[in-house]
All heavy atoms as atom14 arrays in JSON, in Angstrom:
{
  "sequence": "REMLGLLEARFARLGPGRAYTGLLPRALANKVRSLPLPEAAEWLSG",
  "atom14_mask": [
    [1, 1, 1, 1, 1, 1, 1, 1, 1, 1, 1, 0, 0, 0],
    [1, 1, 1, 1, 1, 1, 1, 1, 1, 0, 0, 0, 0, 0],
    [1, 1, 1, 1, 1, 1, 1, 1, 0, 0, 0, 0, 0, 0],
    [1, 1, 1, 1, 1, 1, 1, 1, 0, 0, 0, 0, 0, 0],
    [1, 1, 1, 1, 0, 0, 0, 0, 0, 0, 0, 0, 0, 0],
    [1, 1, 1, 1, 1, 1, 1, 1, 0, 0, 0, 0, 0, 0],
    [1, 1, 1, 1, 1, 1, 1, 1, 0, 0, 0, 0, 0, 0],
    [1, 1, 1, 1, 1, 1, 1, 1, 1, 0, 0, 0, 0, 0],
    [1, 1, 1, 1, 1, 0, 0, 0, 0, 0, 0, 0, 0, 0],
    [1, 1, 1, 1, 1, 1, 1, 1, 1, 1, 1, 0, 0, 0],
    [1, 1, 1, 1, 1, 1, 1, 1, 1, 1, 1, 0, 0, 0],
    [1, 1, 1, 1, 1, 0, 0, 0, 0, 0, 0, 0, 0, 0],
    [1, 1, 1, 1, 1, 1, 1, 1, 1, 1, 1, 0, 0, 0],
    [1, 1, 1, 1, 1, 1, 1, 1, 0, 0, 0, 0, 0, 0],
    [1, 1, 1, 1, 0, 0, 0, 0, 0, 0, 0, 0, 0, 0],
    [1, 1, 1, 1, 1, 1, 1, 0, 0, 0, 0, 0, 0, 0],
    [1, 1, 1, 1, 0, 0, 0, 0, 0, 0, 0, 0, 0, 0],
    [1, 1, 1, 1, 1, 1, 1, 1, 1, 1, 1, 0, 0, 0],
    [1, 1, 1, 1, 1, 0, 0, 0, 0, 0, 0, 0, 0, 0],
    [1, 1, 1, 1, 1, 1, 1, 1, 1, 1, 1, 1, 0, 0],
    [1, 1, 1, 1, 1, 1, 1, 0, 0, 0, 0, 0, 0, 0],
    [1, 1, 1, 1, 0, 0, 0, 0, 0, 0, 0, 0, 0, 0],
    [1, 1, 1, 1, 1, 1, 1, 1, 0, 0, 0, 0, 0, 0],
    [1, 1, 1, 1, 1, 1, 1, 1, 0, 0, 0, 0, 0, 0],
    [1, 1, 1, 1, 1, 1, 1, 0, 0, 0, 0, 0, 0, 0],
    [1, 1, 1, 1, 1, 1, 1, 1, 1, 1, 1, 0, 0, 0],
    [1, 1, 1, 1, 1, 0, 0, 0, 0, 0, 0, 0, 0, 0],
    [1, 1, 1, 1, 1, 1, 1, 1, 0, 0, 0, 0, 0, 0],
    [1, 1, 1, 1, 1, 0, 0, 0, 0, 0, 0, 0, 0, 0],
    [1, 1, 1, 1, 1, 1, 1, 1, 0, 0, 0, 0, 0, 0],
    [1, 1, 1, 1, 1, 1, 1, 1, 1, 0, 0, 0, 0, 0],
    [1, 1, 1, 1, 1, 1, 1, 0, 0, 0, 0, 0, 0, 0],
    [1, 1, 1, 1, 1, 1, 1, 1, 1, 1, 1, 0, 0, 0],
    [1, 1, 1, 1, 1, 1, 0, 0, 0, 0, 0, 0, 0, 0],
    [1, 1, 1, 1, 1, 1, 1, 1, 0, 0, 0, 0, 0, 0],
    [1, 1, 1, 1, 1, 1, 1, 0, 0, 0, 0, 0, 0, 0],
    [1, 1, 1, 1, 1, 1, 1, 1, 0, 0, 0, 0, 0, 0],
    [1, 1, 1, 1, 1, 1, 1, 0, 0, 0, 0, 0, 0, 0],
    [1, 1, 1, 1, 1, 1, 1, 1, 1, 0, 0, 0, 0, 0],
    [1, 1, 1, 1, 1, 0, 0, 0, 0, 0, 0, 0, 0, 0],
    [1, 1, 1, 1, 1, 0, 0, 0, 0, 0, 0, 0, 0, 0],
    [1, 1, 1, 1, 1, 1, 1, 1, 1, 0, 0, 0, 0, 0],
    [1, 1, 1, 1, 1, 1, 1, 1, 1, 1, 1, 1, 1, 1],
    [1, 1, 1, 1, 1, 1, 1, 1, 0, 0, 0, 0, 0, 0],
    [1, 1, 1, 1, 1, 1, 0, 0, 0, 0, 0, 0, 0, 0],
    [1, 1, 1, 1, 0, 0, 0, 0, 0, 0, 0, 0, 0, 0]
  ],
  "atom14_positions": [
    [[-5.83, 10.12, -4.57], [-4.56, 10.84, -4.65], [-3.81, 10.8, -3.31], [-2.61, 10.55, -3.27], [-4.8, 12.28, -5.07], [-3.51, 13.09, -5.27], [-3.8, 14.51, -5.71], [-4.54, 15.27, -4.7], [-5.82, 15.57, -4.77], [-6.53, 15.13, -5.8], [-6.41, 16.26, -3.82], [0.0, 0.0, 0.0], [0.0, 0.0, 0.0], [0.0, 0.0, 0.0]],
    [[-4.53, 11.04, -2.21], [-3.89, 11.03, -0.89], [-3.42, 9.62, -0.53], [-2.33, 9.44, 0.04], [-4.85, 11.54, 0.18], [-5.05, 13.05, 0.15], [-6.05, 13.49, -0.91], [-6.59, 12.62, -1.61], [-6.27, 14.71, -1.03], [0.0, 0.0, 0.0], [0.0, 0.0, 0.0], [0.0, 0.0, 0.0], [0.0, 0.0, 0.0], [0.0, 0.0, 0.0]],
    [[-4.22, 8.62, -0.88], [-3.83, 7.24, -0.59], [-2.59, 6.87, -1.4], [-1.65, 6.23, -0.89], [-4.98, 6.29, -0.9], [-4.72, 4.84, -0.5], [-4.59, 4.59, 1.3], [-6.32, 4.76, 1.76], [0.0, 0.0, 0.0], [0.0, 0.0, 0.0], [0.0, 0.0, 0.0], [0.0, 0.0, 0.0], [0.0, 0.0, 0.0], [0.0, 0.0, 0.0]],
    [[-2.56, 7.26, -2.67], [-1.41, 6.95, -3.51], [-0.15, 7.64, -2.97], [0.93, 7.04, -2.93], [-1.68, 7.38, -4.95], [-0.56, 7.12, -5.96], [-0.2, 5.63, -5.99], [-0.96, 7.62, -7.34], [0.0, 0.0, 0.0], [0.0, 0.0, 0.0], [0.0, 0.0, 0.0], [0.0, 0.0, 0.0], [0.0, 0.0, 0.0], [0.0, 0.0, 0.0]],
    [[-0.3, 8.88, -2.53], [0.85, 9.59, -1.97], [1.4, 8.89, -0.75], [2.63, 8.8, -0.55], [0.0, 0.0, 0.0], [0.0, 0.0, 0.0], [0.0, 0.0, 0.0], [0.0, 0.0, 0.0], [0.0, 0.0, 0.0], [0.0, 0.0, 0.0], [0.0, 0.0, 0.0], [0.0, 0.0, 0.0], [0.0, 0.0, 0.0], [0.0, 0.0, 0.0]],
    [[0.5, 8.4, 0.12], [0.92, 7.68, 1.32], [1.68, 6.42, 0.95], [2.76, 6.14, 1.51], [-0.3, 7.35, 2.17], [-0.05, 6.43, 3.38], [0.82, 7.12, 4.42], [-1.38, 6.0, 4.01], [0.0, 0.0, 0.0], [0.0, 0.0, 0.0], [0.0, 0.0, 0.0], [0.0, 0.0, 0.0], [0.0, 0.0, 0.0], [0.0, 0.0, 0.0]],
    [[1.14, 5.66, 0.01], [1.78, 4.4, -0.37], [3.13, 4.64, -1.03], [4.11, 3.93, -0.75], [0.87, 3.59, -1.29], [-0.48, 3.14, -0.71], [-1.22, 2.27, -1.72], [-0.31, 2.41, 0.6], [0.0, 0.0, 0.0], [0.0, 0.0, 0.0], [0.0, 0.0, 0.0], [0.0, 0.0, 0.0], [0.0, 0.0, 0.0], [0.0, 0.0, 0.0]],
    [[3.21, 5.64, -1.89], [4.48, 5.93, -2.55], [5.55, 6.32, -1.53], [6.72, 5.9, -1.65], [4.3, 7.04, -3.58], [3.53, 6.59, -4.81], [3.27, 7.73, -5.77], [3.26, 8.91, -5.32], [3.06, 7.46, -6.97], [0.0, 0.0, 0.0], [0.0, 0.0, 0.0], [0.0, 0.0, 0.0], [0.0, 0.0, 0.0], [0.0, 0.0, 0.0]],
    [[5.15, 7.1, -0.54], [6.11, 7.52, 0.48], [6.59, 6.32, 1.3], [7.79, 6.22, 1.63], [5.48, 8.57, 1.39], [0.0, 0.0, 0.0], [0.0, 0.0, 0.0], [0.0, 0.0, 0.0], [0.0, 0.0, 0.0], [0.0, 0.0, 0.0], [0.0, 0.0, 0.0], [0.0, 0.0, 0.0], [0.0, 0.0, 0.0], [0.0, 0.0, 0.0]],
    [[5.71, 5.41, 1.63], [6.11, 4.24, 2.41], [7.0, 3.3, 1.59], [7.95, 2.73, 2.11], [4.86, 3.51, 2.92], [4.11, 4.26, 4.01], [2.93, 3.47, 4.52], [3.34, 2.25, 5.21], [3.63, 2.17, 6.51], [3.61, 3.26, 7.27], [3.97, 1.01, 7.05], [0.0, 0.0, 0.0], [0.0, 0.0, 0.0], [0.0, 0.0, 0.0]],
    [[6.66, 3.14, 0.3], [7.5, 2.28, -0.54], [8.91, 2.86, -0.67], [9.89, 2.13, -0.64], [6.86, 2.12, -1.93], [6.02, 0.89, -2.05], [4.81, 0.79, -1.38], [6.43, -0.17, -2.83], [4.02, -0.35, -1.48], [5.64, -1.32, -2.94], [4.43, -1.41, -2.26], [0.0, 0.0, 0.0], [0.0, 0.0, 0.0], [0.0, 0.0, 0.0]],
    [[9.01, 4.18, -0.79], [10.32, 4.81, -0.92], [11.13, 4.68, 0.36], [12.36, 4.53, 0.33], [10.15, 6.28, -1.3], [0.0, 0.0, 0.0], [0.0, 0.0, 0.0], [0.0, 0.0, 0.0], [0.0, 0.0, 0.0], [0.0, 0.0, 0.0], [0.0, 0.0, 0.0], [0.0, 0.0, 0.0], [0.0, 0.0, 0.0], [0.0, 0.0, 0.0]],
    [[10.45, 4.75, 1.5], [11.15, 4.74, 2.78], [11.42, 3.33, 3.3], [12.48, 3.05, 3.85], [10.34, 5.53, 3.82], [10.97, 5.61, 5.21], [10.29, 6.68, 6.04], [8.86, 6.47, 6.17], [8.3, 5.77, 7.15], [9.06, 5.19, 8.07], [6.99, 5.65, 7.22], [0.0, 0.0, 0.0], [0.0, 0.0, 0.0], [0.0, 0.0, 0.0]],
    [[10.43, 2.42, 3.1], [10.52, 1.09, 3.7], [10.79, -0.03, 2.69], [11.17, -1.13, 3.09], [9.21, 0.77, 4.44], [8.82, 1.72, 5.58], [7.42, 1.42, 6.06], [9.81, 1.64, 6.72], [0.0, 0.0, 0.0], [0.0, 0.0, 0.0], [0.0, 0.0, 0.0], [0.0, 0.0, 0.0], [0.0, 0.0, 0.0], [0.0, 0.0, 0.0]],
    [[10.56, 0.26, 1.42], [10.71, -0.78, 0.41], [9.45, -1.6, 0.29], [8.59, -1.59, 1.18], [0.0, 0.0, 0.0], [0.0, 0.0, 0.0], [0.0, 0.0, 0.0], [0.0, 0.0, 0.0], [0.0, 0.0, 0.0], [0.0, 0.0, 0.0], [0.0, 0.0, 0.0], [0.0, 0.0, 0.0], [0.0, 0.0, 0.0], [0.0, 0.0, 0.0]],
    [[9.29, -2.33, -0.8], [8.06, -3.09, -1.05], [7.8, -4.18, -0.02], [6.65, -4.54, 0.23], [8.28, -3.69, -2.44], [9.75, -3.67, -2.65], [10.26, -2.48, -1.91], [0.0, 0.0, 0.0], [0.0, 0.0, 0.0], [0.0, 0.0, 0.0], [0.0, 0.0, 0.0], [0.0, 0.0, 0.0], [0.0, 0.0, 0.0], [0.0, 0.0, 0.0]],
    [[8.84, -4.71, 0.6], [8.65, -5.8, 1.55], [7.96, -5.37, 2.84], [7.28, -6.17, 3.49], [0.0, 0.0, 0.0], [0.0, 0.0, 0.0], [0.0, 0.0, 0.0], [0.0, 0.0, 0.0], [0.0, 0.0, 0.0], [0.0, 0.0, 0.0], [0.0, 0.0, 0.0], [0.0, 0.0, 0.0], [0.0, 0.0, 0.0], [0.0, 0.0, 0.0]],
    [[8.18, -4.1, 3.25], [7.64, -3.64, 4.54], [6.66, -2.48, 4.4], [6.2, -1.95, 5.42], [8.79, -3.21, 5.45], [9.69, -4.36, 5.89], [10.6, -3.93, 7.05], [11.56, -2.91, 6.66], [11.77, -1.77, 7.3], [11.07, -1.5, 8.37], [12.67, -0.9, 6.89], [0.0, 0.0, 0.0], [0.0, 0.0, 0.0], [0.0, 0.0, 0.0]],
    [[6.31, -2.11, 3.18], [5.48, -0.92, 2.98], [4.11, -1.02, 3.65], [3.58, -0.04, 4.19], [5.3, -0.66, 1.48], [0.0, 0.0, 0.0], [0.0, 0.0, 0.0], [0.0, 0.0, 0.0], [0.0, 0.0, 0.0], [0.0, 0.0, 0.0], [0.0, 0.0, 0.0], [0.0, 0.0, 0.0], [0.0, 0.0, 0.0], [0.0, 0.0, 0.0]],
    [[3.52, -2.21, 3.65], [2.18, -2.37, 4.22], [2.22, -2.83, 5.68], [1.2, -2.75, 6.38], [1.38, -3.38, 3.4], [1.07, -2.89, 2.0], [1.65, -3.48, 0.89], [0.2, -1.82, 1.81], [1.36, -3.03, -0.39], [-0.1, -1.36, 0.53], [0.5, -1.96, -0.56], [0.22, -1.5, -1.83], [0.0, 0.0, 0.0], [0.0, 0.0, 0.0]],
    [[3.37, -3.29, 6.15], [3.48, -3.75, 7.53], [3.38, -2.56, 8.47], [4.08, -1.57, 8.32], [4.83, -4.46, 7.75], [4.94, -5.54, 6.82], [4.92, -5.0, 9.16], [0.0, 0.0, 0.0], [0.0, 0.0, 0.0], [0.0, 0.0, 0.0], [0.0, 0.0, 0.0], [0.0, 0.0, 0.0], [0.0, 0.0, 0.0], [0.0, 0.0, 0.0]],
    [[2.49, -2.68, 9.44], [2.27, -1.58, 10.37], [1.24, -0.58, 9.89], [0.87, 0.32, 10.64], [0.0, 0.0, 0.0], [0.0, 0.0, 0.0], [0.0, 0.0, 0.0], [0.0, 0.0, 0.0], [0.0, 0.0, 0.0], [0.0, 0.0, 0.0], [0.0, 0.0, 0.0], [0.0, 0.0, 0.0], [0.0, 0.0, 0.0], [0.0, 0.0, 0.0]],
    [[0.81, -0.73, 8.65], [-0.22, 0.17, 8.11], [-1.57, -0.53, 8.01], [-2.6, 0.04, 8.38], [0.2, 0.66, 6.72], [-0.8, 1.57, 6.0], [-0.9, 2.92, 6.7], [-0.4, 1.76, 4.54], [0.0, 0.0, 0.0], [0.0, 0.0, 0.0], [0.0, 0.0, 0.0], [0.0, 0.0, 0.0], [0.0, 0.0, 0.0], [0.0, 0.0, 0.0]],
    [[-1.55, -1.78, 7.53], [-2.78, -2.53, 7.3], [-2.78, -3.84, 8.07], [-1.72, -4.43, 8.28], [-2.93, -2.85, 5.8], [-2.95, -1.69, 4.82], [-3.0, -2.23, 3.39], [-4.12, -0.76, 5.09], [0.0, 0.0, 0.0], [0.0, 0.0, 0.0], [0.0, 0.0, 0.0], [0.0, 0.0, 0.0], [0.0, 0.0, 0.0], [0.0, 0.0, 0.0]],
    [[-3.95, -4.32, 8.47], [-4.03, -5.67, 9.01], [-3.51, -6.67, 7.97], [-3.61, -6.43, 6.76], [-5.53, -5.87, 9.26], [-6.08, -4.49, 9.37], [-5.26, -3.64, 8.46], [0.0, 0.0, 0.0], [0.0, 0.0, 0.0], [0.0, 0.0, 0.0], [0.0, 0.0, 0.0], [0.0, 0.0, 0.0], [0.0, 0.0, 0.0], [0.0, 0.0, 0.0]],
    [[-2.98, -7.79, 8.42], [-2.34, -8.74, 7.53], [-3.27, -9.18, 6.39], [-2.87, -9.25, 5.23], [-1.87, -9.96, 8.31], [-1.1, -10.97, 7.47], [-0.67, -12.15, 8.33], [0.19, -11.72, 9.44], [0.54, -12.5, 10.46], [0.08, -13.75, 10.5], [1.32, -12.04, 11.41], [0.0, 0.0, 0.0], [0.0, 0.0, 0.0], [0.0, 0.0, 0.0]],
    [[-4.53, -9.5, 6.72], [-5.46, -9.98, 5.7], [-5.68, -8.92, 4.63], [-5.8, -9.23, 3.43], [-6.78, -10.38, 6.33], [0.0, 0.0, 0.0], [0.0, 0.0, 0.0], [0.0, 0.0, 0.0], [0.0, 0.0, 0.0], [0.0, 0.0, 0.0], [0.0, 0.0, 0.0], [0.0, 0.0, 0.0], [0.0, 0.0, 0.0], [0.0, 0.0, 0.0]],
    [[-5.75, -7.67, 5.04], [-5.97, -6.6, 4.07], [-4.71, -6.34, 3.25], [-4.78, -6.12, 2.03], [-6.38, -5.33, 4.82], [-7.06, -4.22, 4.01], [-8.28, -4.76, 3.29], [-7.45, -3.08, 4.93], [0.0, 0.0, 0.0], [0.0, 0.0, 0.0], [0.0, 0.0, 0.0], [0.0, 0.0, 0.0], [0.0, 0.0, 0.0], [0.0, 0.0, 0.0]],
    [[-3.56, -6.4, 3.9], [-2.29, -6.22, 3.17], [-2.13, -7.29, 2.09], [-1.65, -7.01, 0.98], [-1.12, -6.26, 4.14], [0.0, 0.0, 0.0], [0.0, 0.0, 0.0], [0.0, 0.0, 0.0], [0.0, 0.0, 0.0], [0.0, 0.0, 0.0], [0.0, 0.0, 0.0], [0.0, 0.0, 0.0], [0.0, 0.0, 0.0], [0.0, 0.0, 0.0]],
    [[-2.55, -8.5, 2.41], [-2.44, -9.59, 1.43], [-3.29, -9.33, 0.19], [-3.0, -9.85, -0.89], [-2.84, -10.92, 2.07], [-1.82, -11.39, 3.09], [-0.66, -10.97, 3.06], [-2.23, -12.27, 3.99], [0.0, 0.0, 0.0], [0.0, 0.0, 0.0], [0.0, 0.0, 0.0], [0.0, 0.0, 0.0], [0.0, 0.0, 0.0], [0.0, 0.0, 0.0]],
    [[-4.35, -8.55, 0.35], [-5.22, -8.26, -0.79], [-4.58, -7.31, -1.79], [-4.87, -7.35, -2.97], [-6.53, -7.63, -0.28], [-7.49, -8.62, 0.35], [-7.86, -9.66, -0.66], [-9.22, -10.16, -0.56], [-9.54, -11.18, -1.56], [0.0, 0.0, 0.0], [0.0, 0.0, 0.0], [0.0, 0.0, 0.0], [0.0, 0.0, 0.0], [0.0, 0.0, 0.0]],
    [[-3.73, -6.4, -1.31], [-3.21, -5.35, -2.18], [-1.71, -5.48, -2.46], [-1.18, -4.76, -3.32], [-3.5, -3.96, -1.58], [-4.99, -3.73, -1.45], [-2.83, -3.8, -0.21], [0.0, 0.0, 0.0], [0.0, 0.0, 0.0], [0.0, 0.0, 0.0], [0.0, 0.0, 0.0], [0.0, 0.0, 0.0], [0.0, 0.0, 0.0], [0.0, 0.0, 0.0]],
    [[-1.05, -6.38, -1.77], [0.41, -6.46, -1.85], [0.91, -6.65, -3.29], [1.94, -6.09, -3.68], [0.93, -7.59, -0.96], [2.43, -7.5, -0.68], [2.89, -8.67, 0.18], [2.16, -8.78, 1.42], [2.43, -8.05, 2.51], [3.42, -7.16, 2.47], [1.73, -8.22, 3.61], [0.0, 0.0, 0.0], [0.0, 0.0, 0.0], [0.0, 0.0, 0.0]],
    [[0.2, -7.44, -4.08], [0.67, -7.76, -5.42], [0.2, -6.76, -6.48], [0.56, -6.87, -7.65], [0.21, -9.16, -5.82], [-1.21, -9.22, -5.84], [0.0, 0.0, 0.0], [0.0, 0.0, 0.0], [0.0, 0.0, 0.0], [0.0, 0.0, 0.0], [0.0, 0.0, 0.0], [0.0, 0.0, 0.0], [0.0, 0.0, 0.0], [0.0, 0.0, 0.0]],
    [[-0.59, -5.77, -6.07], [-1.13, -4.81, -7.02], [-0.15, -3.67, -7.27], [0.58, -3.26, -6.36], [-2.45, -4.22, -6.5], [-3.61, -5.18, -6.27], [-4.8, -4.43, -5.67], [-4.02, -5.88, -7.56], [0.0, 0.0, 0.0], [0.0, 0.0, 0.0], [0.0, 0.0, 0.0], [0.0, 0.0, 0.0], [0.0, 0.0, 0.0], [0.0, 0.0, 0.0]],
    [[-0.12, -3.12, -8.47], [0.63, -1.88, -8.7], [0.11, -0.79, -7.78], [-1.08, -0.79, -7.41], [0.35, -1.56, -10.17], [-0.07, -2.86, -10.78], [-0.77, -3.62, -9.69], [0.0, 0.0, 0.0], [0.0, 0.0, 0.0], [0.0, 0.0, 0.0], [0.0, 0.0, 0.0], [0.0, 0.0, 0.0], [0.0, 0.0, 0.0], [0.0, 0.0, 0.0]],
    [[0.94, 0.14, -7.4], [0.54, 1.15, -6.42], [-0.73, 1.91, -6.8], [-1.59, 2.12, -5.93], [1.7, 2.13, -6.17], [2.86, 1.58, -5.33], [3.84, 2.69, -5.01], [2.36, 0.95, -4.05], [0.0, 0.0, 0.0], [0.0, 0.0, 0.0], [0.0, 0.0, 0.0], [0.0, 0.0, 0.0], [0.0, 0.0, 0.0], [0.0, 0.0, 0.0]],
    [[-0.9, 2.35, -8.04], [-2.16, 3.05, -8.37], [-3.39, 2.17, -8.12], [-4.42, 2.67, -7.64], [-2.0, 3.39, -9.85], [-0.52, 3.46, -10.08], [0.03, 2.38, -9.19], [0.0, 0.0, 0.0], [0.0, 0.0, 0.0], [0.0, 0.0, 0.0], [0.0, 0.0, 0.0], [0.0, 0.0, 0.0], [0.0, 0.0, 0.0], [0.0, 0.0, 0.0]],
    [[-3.29, 0.89, -8.45], [-4.43, 0.0, -8.23], [-4.64, -0.27, -6.73], [-5.78, -0.38, -6.25], [-4.22, -1.32, -8.97], [-4.25, -1.19, -10.48], [-4.09, -2.52, -11.17], [-4.44, -3.56, -10.56], [-3.61, -2.54, -12.32], [0.0, 0.0, 0.0], [0.0, 0.0, 0.0], [0.0, 0.0, 0.0], [0.0, 0.0, 0.0], [0.0, 0.0, 0.0]],
    [[-3.55, -0.39, -5.98], [-3.67, -0.58, -4.53], [-4.33, 0.63, -3.88], [-5.19, 0.5, -2.99], [-2.29, -0.82, -3.93], [0.0, 0.0, 0.0], [0.0, 0.0, 0.0], [0.0, 0.0, 0.0], [0.0, 0.0, 0.0], [0.0, 0.0, 0.0], [0.0, 0.0, 0.0], [0.0, 0.0, 0.0], [0.0, 0.0, 0.0], [0.0, 0.0, 0.0]],
    [[-3.93, 1.83, -4.34], [-4.53, 3.05, -3.8], [-6.02, 3.11, -4.13], [-6.84, 3.51, -3.3], [-3.8, 4.27, -4.36], [0.0, 0.0, 0.0], [0.0, 0.0, 0.0], [0.0, 0.0, 0.0], [0.0, 0.0, 0.0], [0.0, 0.0, 0.0], [0.0, 0.0, 0.0], [0.0, 0.0, 0.0], [0.0, 0.0, 0.0], [0.0, 0.0, 0.0]],
    [[-6.38, 2.7, -5.35], [-7.79, 2.69, -5.74], [-8.57, 1.68, -4.9], [-9.69, 1.96, -4.45], [-7.89, 2.32, -7.23], [-9.31, 2.3, -7.78], [-9.89, 3.69, -7.88], [-9.13, 4.65, -8.11], [-11.12, 3.81, -7.7], [0.0, 0.0, 0.0], [0.0, 0.0, 0.0], [0.0, 0.0, 0.0], [0.0, 0.0, 0.0], [0.0, 0.0, 0.0]],
    [[-7.99, 0.52, -4.65], [-8.64, -0.53, -3.87], [-8.89, -0.03, -2.44], [-9.97, -0.21, -1.89], [-7.75, -1.77, -3.85], [-8.44, -3.06, -3.57], [-8.81, -4.01, -4.46], [-8.8, -3.58, -2.27], [-9.39, -5.08, -3.82], [-9.4, -4.85, -2.48], [-8.68, -3.1, -0.98], [-9.88, -5.64, -1.43], [-9.17, -3.87, 0.08], [-9.76, -5.13, -0.16]],
    [[-7.89, 0.61, -1.84], [-7.99, 1.01, -0.43], [-8.85, 2.26, -0.22], [-9.36, 2.47, 0.88], [-6.59, 1.25, 0.15], [-5.73, 0.0, 0.32], [-4.29, 0.38, 0.65], [-6.31, -0.91, 1.4], [0.0, 0.0, 0.0], [0.0, 0.0, 0.0], [0.0, 0.0, 0.0], [0.0, 0.0, 0.0], [0.0, 0.0, 0.0], [0.0, 0.0, 0.0]],
    [[-8.99, 3.07, -1.24], [-9.76, 4.31, -1.07], [-11.15, 4.24, -1.7], [-11.97, 5.13, -1.47], [-9.0, 5.5, -1.66], [-8.8, 5.32, -3.05], [0.0, 0.0, 0.0], [0.0, 0.0, 0.0], [0.0, 0.0, 0.0], [0.0, 0.0, 0.0], [0.0, 0.0, 0.0], [0.0, 0.0, 0.0], [0.0, 0.0, 0.0], [0.0, 0.0, 0.0]],
    [[-11.41, 3.2, -2.49], [-12.71, 3.14, -3.15], [-13.06, 1.75, -3.63], [-13.51, 1.58, -4.76], [0.0, 0.0, 0.0], [0.0, 0.0, 0.0], [0.0, 0.0, 0.0], [0.0, 0.0, 0.0], [0.0, 0.0, 0.0], [0.0, 0.0, 0.0], [0.0, 0.0, 0.0], [0.0, 0.0, 0.0], [0.0, 0.0, 0.0], [0.0, 0.0, 0.0]]
  ]
}
């Protein structure tokens, strides 16, 4: 839930193109970039 809230806030503020930039290392961002936000939150938290 906390991870999903963080991602939703970043997407709203930065847009999908920059949401993961500055948050995750590039290799890790590439793993979740194409996932829907709930799945990305699940991947990053568990």
